[in-house]
C-alpha cells in the first residue's frame, strides 16, 4: 500500500469512526483523548503530514498559527507565574501538556486534513451516519425495543446513568450534536433530493429521540438565526418565518415543564454545575482579561468557584444542589465548564472569545453567500453547541464539520483548487 492509499484509508476511518465517543481507551493513560477511536487514524494522518512538511523543504509556518502558539506560550507562562506549579495535588506542567495535546488534535482535525470531496470523504461520511443509526437502534432505551447490543465495555467506558438513548456517545447531549453534525454532512454530500429528505428526517428524529435539551434548543436557535439572515431575501419568507417559528416555539413552551422540571434544579447537580462554572469563567476573565493560560485553569477554578456558587444561589429562588461542582475544588478529574467555548475563554481570555465569534460569523456568512445552506446550519449548530453544552474534546464530528466547511469556502474562492 502506497502513502496516498494509506492516507485515504486513515481519512475514511477517521470520519467513519467519529460517532464512537465513549471508547474504552479512556481507561488508559490517554484518558479523555481516548474517547474516540478516530484518534488513531488522526494521529497517523498528522504524522504523515508533518513528515511531508519536513521533507518538502518548504518550512514556512502559517502566521496566524505561529501568533497563536506564541500567545498560548506567553499566557501559560503568566499562569505559572500567578498561580504556581501545582494545584489540586496535580502538576500544572503535566496538565498544561495534556490540555495542549487535546487542543492540538482538534486543530489538526480541522486544518491538517484535505477535505476535498472524494470517494474517501463521502464514503466515510455515509459510514459514520450508518454507524450513528446502528448505535442509536441498538443502544440503551432505544424506541424500537431492540436489544442494547452495543452497550459493551469496549464501546462504553462511562457507566450508564441515563434513561434516554445515548447511542455510541457517553450521554444524550453528545449523541444529539453528533447526529446534527454527521446527519447534515450526509445531507450536504448527497445529490439525490429524496435521499437528502430521508437523511434529514432521520437526523431530526434521532435528535428529538435523544431528549437532549441543548440539542433541541440549538435546532430552534438555528432556525431563528438563519431565518432572520434570509429575512429580506424574498417577500414570502416573512410569513414562512412566522409559520415555522411560532408553532416550534409553542411546542418548546409546552415541553418546558418536562425539559426543565423543578426537581432538576433542586435535586440534580447538572444545572447548578453549569451555571456556577459559567459564572466562574466570567469572574476569571474579569480578573484576567487575557486568560490564565493552560496552566491556570485548575487554580482559577479553585479561586473563583466559591464566589460563583454563592452568586448562583443568590439568583435562585430555591436551594440548589452543588454537590457535583463542589468536588471541582479538590479534585482535578473532569473539571470543566461543560462547554468548549467557556473552557477556552478561561484559558485564553477575551482575545479568544472575540476571535472565535469573528471566525464563526465570517464562515457562516461565506457559506450563505455560496448558497451552502446545509453546511451553514451545520456550522452554526456546532458553534452553538460547543458554546453552550458540549466540551468538544473527543467529539471529532464537530471539527470534521468545520474542516469540510472551511474547505468548501476556500474551494468557492478558488474554483480550480479542488479540481
Protein backbone atom coordinates (compact mmCIF):
# COMPACT_ATOMS: atom_id res chain seq x y z
CA UNK A 1 0.00 0.00 0.00
CA UNK A 2 1.47 3.37 -1.03
CA UNK A 3 1.32 6.54 1.05
CA UNK A 4 -1.67 8.00 -0.80
CA UNK A 5 -3.78 4.86 -0.34
CA UNK A 6 -2.80 4.64 3.33
CA UNK A 7 -3.78 8.29 3.85
CA UNK A 8 -7.16 7.75 2.18
CA UNK A 9 -7.78 4.69 4.36
CA UNK A 10 -6.91 6.69 7.50
CA UNK A 11 -9.15 9.54 6.36
CA UNK A 12 -12.05 7.13 5.84
CA UNK A 13 -11.55 5.57 9.30
CA UNK A 14 -11.18 8.95 10.99
CA UNK A 15 -14.58 10.10 9.71
CA UNK A 16 -16.37 6.73 9.84
CA UNK A 17 -15.46 6.06 13.50
CA UNK A 18 -16.30 9.58 14.75
CA UNK A 19 -19.75 8.61 16.18
CA UNK A 20 -17.95 6.42 18.76
CA UNK A 21 -17.25 8.79 21.66
CA UNK A 22 -17.06 6.63 24.76
CA UNK A 23 -14.28 4.20 23.79
CA UNK A 24 -12.54 2.00 26.34
CA UNK A 25 -9.18 3.74 25.76
CA UNK A 26 -10.36 6.36 28.26
CA UNK A 27 -9.33 3.83 30.88
CA UNK A 28 -5.71 4.06 29.70
CA UNK A 29 -3.27 6.96 30.30
CA UNK A 30 -4.89 8.61 27.27
CA UNK A 31 -7.97 9.40 29.41
CA UNK A 32 -10.34 11.74 27.57
CA UNK A 33 -8.12 11.65 24.46
CA UNK A 34 -9.13 8.01 24.05
CA UNK A 35 -12.86 8.73 23.93
CA UNK A 36 -12.95 8.06 20.18
CA UNK A 37 -11.02 5.51 18.10
CA UNK A 38 -10.83 8.26 15.45
CA UNK A 39 -7.82 9.44 17.44
CA UNK A 40 -5.64 6.69 15.95
CA UNK A 41 -6.15 7.45 12.22
CA UNK A 42 -5.93 11.18 13.02
CA UNK A 43 -2.51 10.66 14.58
CA UNK A 44 -1.40 8.66 11.53
CA UNK A 45 -2.57 11.44 9.16
CA UNK A 46 -0.85 14.08 11.31
CA UNK A 47 2.45 12.18 11.35
CA UNK A 48 2.37 11.77 7.56
CA UNK A 49 1.50 15.45 7.09
CA UNK A 50 4.35 16.54 9.39
CA UNK A 51 6.82 14.20 7.66
CA UNK A 52 5.80 15.58 4.25
CA UNK A 53 6.20 19.14 5.55
CA UNK A 54 9.74 18.35 6.73
CA UNK A 55 10.78 16.50 3.58
CA UNK A 56 9.44 19.04 1.10
CA UNK A 57 11.97 21.60 2.36
CA UNK A 58 9.44 24.46 2.45
CA UNK A 59 9.30 25.01 6.20
CA UNK A 60 7.02 28.03 6.22
CA UNK A 61 4.51 28.30 9.09
CA UNK A 62 1.11 29.97 8.88
CA UNK A 63 1.35 33.40 10.54
CA UNK A 64 -1.94 33.04 12.40
CA UNK A 65 -0.87 29.65 13.73
CA UNK A 66 2.53 31.00 14.79
CA UNK A 67 0.98 34.03 16.52
CA UNK A 68 -1.49 31.72 18.30
CA UNK A 69 1.28 29.44 19.55
CA UNK A 70 3.29 32.40 20.85
CA UNK A 71 0.19 33.76 22.63
CA UNK A 72 -0.58 30.36 24.21
CA UNK A 73 3.01 30.05 25.42
CA UNK A 74 3.14 33.55 26.93
CA UNK A 75 -0.23 33.34 28.68
CA UNK A 76 0.64 29.88 30.03
CA UNK A 77 3.88 31.29 31.49
CA UNK A 78 1.74 34.02 33.07
CA UNK A 79 -0.45 31.31 34.61
CA UNK A 80 2.59 29.63 36.16
CA UNK A 81 3.82 32.97 37.47
CA UNK A 82 0.46 33.91 39.00
CA UNK A 83 -0.73 30.54 40.39
CA UNK A 84 2.40 28.43 40.78
CA UNK A 85 3.18 24.93 39.53
CA UNK A 86 0.74 22.72 41.48
CA UNK A 87 -3.00 22.71 42.17
CA UNK A 88 -5.48 20.09 43.37
CA UNK A 89 -2.46 17.87 44.12
CA UNK A 90 -1.58 17.81 40.40
CA UNK A 91 1.40 19.10 38.46
CA UNK A 92 0.26 22.04 36.35
CA UNK A 93 3.09 21.36 33.91
CA UNK A 94 1.56 17.94 33.15
CA UNK A 95 -1.99 19.34 33.00
CA UNK A 96 -0.80 22.05 30.61
CA UNK A 97 0.81 19.42 28.36
CA UNK A 98 -2.34 17.26 28.22
CA UNK A 99 -4.59 20.27 27.59
CA UNK A 100 -2.31 21.46 24.79
CA UNK A 101 -2.35 17.98 23.22
CA UNK A 102 -6.16 17.89 23.26
CA UNK A 103 -6.43 21.30 21.63
CA UNK A 104 -3.70 20.50 19.11
CA UNK A 105 -5.61 17.39 18.00
CA UNK A 106 -8.77 19.44 17.41
CA UNK A 107 -6.81 21.98 15.37
CA UNK A 108 -5.19 19.16 13.37
CA UNK A 109 -8.62 17.63 12.71
CA UNK A 110 -9.76 20.94 11.19
CA UNK A 111 -6.64 22.12 9.36
CA UNK A 112 -4.31 19.20 8.64
CA UNK A 113 -6.77 17.12 6.59
CA UNK A 114 -7.58 17.58 2.93
CA UNK A 115 -11.39 17.60 2.93
CA UNK A 116 -11.81 17.69 -0.84
CA UNK A 117 -14.96 15.77 -1.72
CA UNK A 118 -13.57 12.47 -2.98
CA UNK A 119 -14.73 8.89 -2.50
CA UNK A 120 -12.93 8.54 0.85
CA UNK A 121 -14.69 11.57 2.31
CA UNK A 122 -18.15 10.69 1.01
CA UNK A 123 -17.91 7.01 1.94
CA UNK A 124 -16.56 7.92 5.37
CA UNK A 125 -19.49 10.30 6.00
CA UNK A 126 -22.05 7.71 4.89
CA UNK A 127 -20.36 5.04 7.03
CA UNK A 128 -20.39 7.41 10.02
CA UNK A 129 -24.09 8.06 9.53
CA UNK A 130 -24.77 4.32 9.29
CA UNK A 131 -22.80 3.73 12.49
CA UNK A 132 -24.70 6.57 14.16
CA UNK A 133 -28.05 4.96 13.27
CA UNK A 134 -26.87 1.50 14.38
CA UNK A 135 -25.62 2.94 17.65
CA UNK A 136 -28.98 4.58 18.24
CA UNK A 137 -31.03 1.48 17.32
CA UNK A 138 -29.00 -0.94 19.45
CA UNK A 139 -28.24 1.28 22.43
CA UNK A 140 -29.99 1.69 25.76
CA UNK A 141 -33.59 2.96 25.79
CA UNK A 142 -33.95 2.80 22.01
CA UNK A 143 -37.58 3.43 20.98
CA UNK A 144 -37.79 0.21 18.93
CA UNK A 145 -37.33 -2.17 21.84
CA UNK A 146 -34.22 -3.69 20.24
CA UNK A 147 -31.60 -5.35 22.47
CA UNK A 148 -28.79 -2.97 23.56
CA UNK A 149 -26.11 -4.99 21.75
CA UNK A 150 -23.70 -2.05 21.60
CA UNK A 151 -23.73 -1.37 25.35
CA UNK A 152 -20.41 -3.17 25.75
CA UNK A 153 -17.31 -2.33 27.85
CA UNK A 154 -15.32 -1.71 24.67
CA UNK A 155 -17.71 0.87 23.22
CA UNK A 156 -18.80 2.37 26.54
CA UNK A 157 -16.27 3.28 29.20
CA UNK A 158 -18.80 5.51 31.03
CA UNK A 159 -21.35 3.70 33.18
CA UNK A 160 -24.97 4.01 32.11
CA UNK A 161 -26.70 6.73 34.16
CA UNK A 162 -29.39 7.94 31.74
CA UNK A 163 -32.79 6.58 30.80
CA UNK A 164 -32.55 8.39 27.44
CA UNK A 165 -30.79 6.93 24.37
CA UNK A 166 -27.09 7.76 24.20
CA UNK A 167 -26.10 5.77 21.10
CA UNK A 168 -22.33 5.36 20.93
CA UNK A 169 -21.71 8.55 22.93
CA UNK A 170 -21.29 8.87 26.68
CA UNK A 171 -24.52 10.82 27.13
CA UNK A 172 -27.57 12.03 25.14
CA UNK A 173 -26.23 15.57 24.68
CA UNK A 174 -23.20 14.25 22.80
CA UNK A 175 -25.44 11.99 20.72
CA UNK A 176 -27.57 14.99 19.74
CA UNK A 177 -24.76 17.14 18.37
CA UNK A 178 -23.14 14.13 16.68
CA UNK A 179 -26.46 13.40 14.97
CA UNK A 180 -26.68 17.01 13.78
CA UNK A 181 -23.06 17.13 12.58
CA UNK A 182 -22.93 13.75 10.80
CA UNK A 183 -26.52 13.96 9.60
CA UNK A 184 -26.13 17.38 7.98
CA UNK A 185 -22.79 16.37 6.46
CA UNK A 186 -24.57 13.39 4.88
CA UNK A 187 -27.27 15.68 3.51
CA UNK A 188 -24.59 18.03 2.17
CA UNK A 189 -22.68 15.37 0.21
CA UNK A 190 -25.81 13.65 -1.17
CA UNK A 191 -27.03 14.66 -4.61
CA UNK A 192 -30.46 12.97 -4.66
CA UNK A 193 -33.23 15.19 -3.30
CA UNK A 194 -35.33 12.34 -1.87
CA UNK A 195 -32.30 10.81 -0.14
CA UNK A 196 -31.47 14.26 1.27
CA UNK A 197 -35.00 14.44 2.66
CA UNK A 198 -34.75 10.94 4.16
CA UNK A 199 -31.38 11.68 5.81
CA UNK A 200 -32.68 14.98 7.18
CA UNK A 201 -35.76 13.28 8.66
CA UNK A 202 -33.60 10.59 10.27
CA UNK A 203 -31.29 13.26 11.70
CA UNK A 204 -34.12 15.27 13.24
CA UNK A 205 -35.72 12.06 14.54
CA UNK A 206 -32.53 10.96 16.36
CA UNK A 207 -32.08 14.49 17.72
CA UNK A 208 -35.59 14.56 19.17
CA UNK A 209 -35.39 10.95 20.43
CA UNK A 210 -32.16 11.72 22.30
CA UNK A 211 -34.17 14.05 24.54
CA UNK A 212 -31.24 16.47 24.76
CA UNK A 213 -32.42 19.88 25.91
CA UNK A 214 -29.33 21.51 24.42
CA UNK A 215 -29.82 19.78 21.07
CA UNK A 216 -33.48 20.81 20.79
CA UNK A 217 -32.78 24.43 21.71
CA UNK A 218 -29.80 24.52 19.33
CA UNK A 219 -32.09 23.49 16.47
CA UNK A 220 -34.62 26.16 17.49
CA UNK A 221 -31.97 28.90 17.68
CA UNK A 222 -30.54 27.88 14.28
CA UNK A 223 -33.96 28.18 12.66
CA UNK A 224 -34.47 31.67 14.10
CA UNK A 225 -30.98 32.97 13.20
CA UNK A 226 -30.90 31.61 9.66
CA UNK A 227 -34.47 32.76 9.02
CA UNK A 228 -33.51 36.23 10.24
CA UNK A 229 -30.45 36.25 7.95
CA UNK A 230 -32.64 35.48 4.94
CA UNK A 231 -35.49 37.73 6.12
CA UNK A 232 -35.27 40.24 3.27
CA UNK A 233 -34.38 37.76 0.53
CA UNK A 234 -37.95 37.00 -0.62
CA UNK A 235 -41.31 38.53 0.29
CA UNK A 236 -42.81 35.16 1.19
CA UNK A 237 -40.10 34.38 3.75
CA UNK A 238 -41.71 36.70 6.34
CA UNK A 239 -44.94 34.66 6.66
CA UNK A 240 -42.89 31.46 6.25
CA UNK A 241 -40.75 32.50 9.23
CA UNK A 242 -43.86 33.09 11.34
CA UNK A 243 -45.45 29.79 10.30
CA UNK A 244 -42.25 27.87 11.10
CA UNK A 245 -41.04 29.54 14.29
CA UNK A 246 -44.39 30.17 16.02
CA UNK A 247 -45.50 26.52 16.26
CA UNK A 248 -41.95 25.40 17.06
CA UNK A 249 -41.80 27.96 19.86
CA UNK A 250 -45.23 26.90 21.11
CA UNK A 251 -44.08 23.26 21.23
CA UNK A 252 -40.96 24.22 23.20
CA UNK A 253 -43.02 26.24 25.69
CA UNK A 254 -45.35 23.28 26.15
CA UNK A 255 -42.36 20.99 26.71
CA UNK A 256 -40.57 23.31 29.18
CA UNK A 257 -42.03 21.65 32.31
CA UNK A 258 -40.74 18.28 31.06
CA UNK A 259 -37.39 19.59 29.82
CA UNK A 260 -36.69 21.65 32.95
CA UNK A 261 -38.69 20.21 35.87
CA UNK A 262 -38.23 21.99 39.17
CA UNK A 263 -36.61 18.91 40.71
CA UNK A 264 -33.81 19.17 38.12
CA UNK A 265 -32.77 22.38 39.85
CA UNK A 266 -33.42 21.28 43.41
CA UNK A 267 -32.02 17.73 43.32
CA UNK A 268 -29.91 17.32 40.17
CA UNK A 269 -26.48 18.93 40.14
CA UNK A 270 -26.38 19.47 36.37
CA UNK A 271 -27.92 22.95 36.18
CA UNK A 272 -26.13 24.37 39.27
CA UNK A 273 -22.83 22.97 37.96
CA UNK A 274 -23.20 24.54 34.53
CA UNK A 275 -24.38 27.92 35.83
CA UNK A 276 -21.75 28.07 38.57
CA UNK A 277 -18.93 27.23 36.17
CA UNK A 278 -20.25 29.79 33.66
CA UNK A 279 -20.18 32.47 36.38
CA UNK A 280 -16.72 31.22 37.41
CA UNK A 281 -15.48 31.63 33.84
CA UNK A 282 -16.80 35.20 33.65
CA UNK A 283 -15.22 36.04 37.02
CA UNK A 284 -11.90 34.62 35.83
CA UNK A 285 -11.97 36.73 32.67
CA UNK A 286 -12.93 39.85 34.64
CA UNK A 287 -9.76 39.39 36.74
CA UNK A 288 -7.57 38.07 33.90
CA UNK A 289 -8.80 39.59 30.59
CA UNK A 290 -6.12 37.73 28.61
CA UNK A 291 -6.88 34.44 30.33
CA UNK A 292 -4.90 32.27 32.71
CA UNK A 293 -3.29 30.01 30.11
CA UNK A 294 -3.17 26.25 30.00
CA UNK A 295 -1.53 26.25 33.43
CA UNK A 296 -4.01 28.43 35.30
CA UNK A 297 -7.32 26.68 34.61
CA UNK A 298 -7.45 24.46 37.73
CA UNK A 299 -6.21 27.09 40.22
CA UNK A 300 -8.58 29.67 38.71
CA UNK A 301 -11.49 27.29 39.37
CA UNK A 302 -10.33 26.82 42.98
CA UNK A 303 -10.01 30.60 43.39
CA UNK A 304 -13.24 31.90 41.84
CA UNK A 305 -15.70 28.97 42.08
CA UNK A 306 -16.75 29.53 45.74
CA UNK A 307 -17.92 33.08 44.94
CA UNK A 308 -19.51 31.82 41.73
CA UNK A 309 -21.58 29.26 43.68
CA UNK A 310 -22.70 31.96 46.11
CA UNK A 311 -23.71 34.20 43.21
CA UNK A 312 -25.61 31.35 41.54
CA UNK A 313 -27.50 30.51 44.74
CA UNK A 314 -28.40 34.18 45.26
CA UNK A 315 -30.08 34.22 41.85
CA UNK A 316 -32.21 31.13 42.57
CA UNK A 317 -35.50 31.17 44.50
CA UNK A 318 -34.95 27.52 45.58
CA UNK A 319 -32.00 25.74 47.21
CA UNK A 320 -29.59 24.27 44.66
CA UNK A 321 -27.54 21.08 44.71
CA UNK A 322 -23.84 22.00 44.43
CA UNK A 323 -22.52 18.51 45.25
CA UNK A 324 -21.06 17.87 41.79
CA UNK A 325 -19.44 21.26 41.31
CA UNK A 326 -18.09 21.41 44.88
CA UNK A 327 -15.90 18.41 44.03
CA UNK A 328 -14.11 20.63 41.48
CA UNK A 329 -12.48 22.47 44.41
CA UNK A 330 -10.49 19.43 45.50
CA UNK A 331 -10.35 17.00 42.55
CA UNK A 332 -8.75 17.59 39.15
CA UNK A 333 -10.87 14.90 37.46
CA UNK A 334 -13.27 16.10 34.75
CA UNK A 335 -13.11 19.76 35.84
CA UNK A 336 -14.80 21.79 33.11
CA UNK A 337 -17.38 24.48 32.44
CA UNK A 338 -19.12 21.77 30.35
CA UNK A 339 -18.64 23.91 27.24
CA UNK A 340 -15.66 24.19 24.92
CA UNK A 341 -16.08 27.94 24.44
CA UNK A 342 -16.03 28.90 28.13
CA UNK A 343 -13.23 26.45 28.93
CA UNK A 344 -11.04 28.20 26.36
CA UNK A 345 -12.35 31.63 27.39
CA UNK A 346 -10.92 30.99 30.86
CA UNK A 347 -7.62 29.83 29.37
CA UNK A 348 -7.15 32.45 26.64
CA UNK A 349 -9.40 35.31 27.65
CA UNK A 350 -11.16 37.98 25.62
CA UNK A 351 -8.90 37.62 22.53
CA UNK A 352 -10.07 34.01 22.08
CA UNK A 353 -13.70 34.95 22.68
CA UNK A 354 -13.65 37.66 20.04
CA UNK A 355 -11.62 35.57 17.57
CA UNK A 356 -13.99 32.60 17.84
CA UNK A 357 -17.08 34.73 17.21
CA UNK A 358 -15.43 36.52 14.26
CA UNK A 359 -14.32 33.26 12.62
CA UNK A 360 -17.71 31.56 13.02
CA UNK A 361 -19.62 34.65 11.82
CA UNK A 362 -17.41 35.01 8.74
CA UNK A 363 -17.59 31.29 7.96
CA UNK A 364 -21.40 31.18 8.19
CA UNK A 365 -21.69 34.33 6.06
CA UNK A 366 -19.39 32.92 3.38
CA UNK A 367 -21.32 29.65 3.33
CA UNK A 368 -24.60 31.53 2.95
CA UNK A 369 -23.13 33.63 0.12
CA UNK A 370 -22.06 30.39 -1.58
CA UNK A 371 -25.63 29.04 -1.18
CA UNK A 372 -24.40 26.18 1.00
CA UNK A 373 -27.36 26.36 3.38
CA UNK A 374 -26.96 22.88 4.88
CA UNK A 375 -23.32 23.49 5.78
CA UNK A 376 -24.15 26.89 7.25
CA UNK A 377 -26.76 25.23 9.50
CA UNK A 378 -24.22 22.54 10.49
CA UNK A 379 -21.53 25.12 11.39
CA UNK A 380 -23.99 27.30 13.28
CA UNK A 381 -25.42 24.35 15.21
CA UNK A 382 -21.97 23.04 16.13
CA UNK A 383 -20.86 26.53 17.20
CA UNK A 384 -23.90 26.99 19.43
CA UNK A 385 -23.41 23.52 20.89
CA UNK A 386 -19.74 24.00 21.85
CA UNK A 387 -20.60 27.41 23.27
CA UNK A 388 -23.49 26.17 25.42
CA UNK A 389 -23.39 22.47 26.31
CA UNK A 390 -20.61 20.46 24.61
CA UNK A 391 -17.00 20.32 25.94
CA UNK A 392 -15.75 19.45 22.44
CA UNK A 393 -12.83 17.22 23.42
CA UNK A 394 -13.35 13.75 21.96
CA UNK A 395 -16.27 14.83 19.76
CA UNK A 396 -14.48 14.68 16.40
CA UNK A 397 -17.71 15.10 14.41
CA UNK A 398 -17.60 18.83 15.23
CA UNK A 399 -14.07 19.58 13.87
CA UNK A 400 -14.94 17.48 10.81
CA UNK A 401 -17.85 19.85 10.12
CA UNK A 402 -15.58 22.88 10.47
CA UNK A 403 -12.91 21.27 8.29
CA UNK A 404 -15.37 20.49 5.49
CA UNK A 405 -16.91 23.98 5.76
CA UNK A 406 -13.52 25.73 5.56
CA UNK A 407 -12.59 23.66 2.52
CA UNK A 408 -15.90 24.47 0.80
CA UNK A 409 -15.35 28.19 1.38
CA UNK A 410 -11.77 28.01 0.05
CA UNK A 411 -12.97 26.00 -2.93
CA UNK A 412 -15.61 28.61 -3.74
CA UNK A 413 -12.96 31.35 -3.54
CA UNK A 414 -10.68 29.36 -5.86
CA UNK A 415 -12.87 27.08 -8.03
CA UNK A 416 -9.82 25.37 -9.56
CA UNK A 417 -8.17 24.47 -6.27
CA UNK A 418 -10.07 21.25 -5.74
CA UNK A 419 -10.34 20.14 -9.33
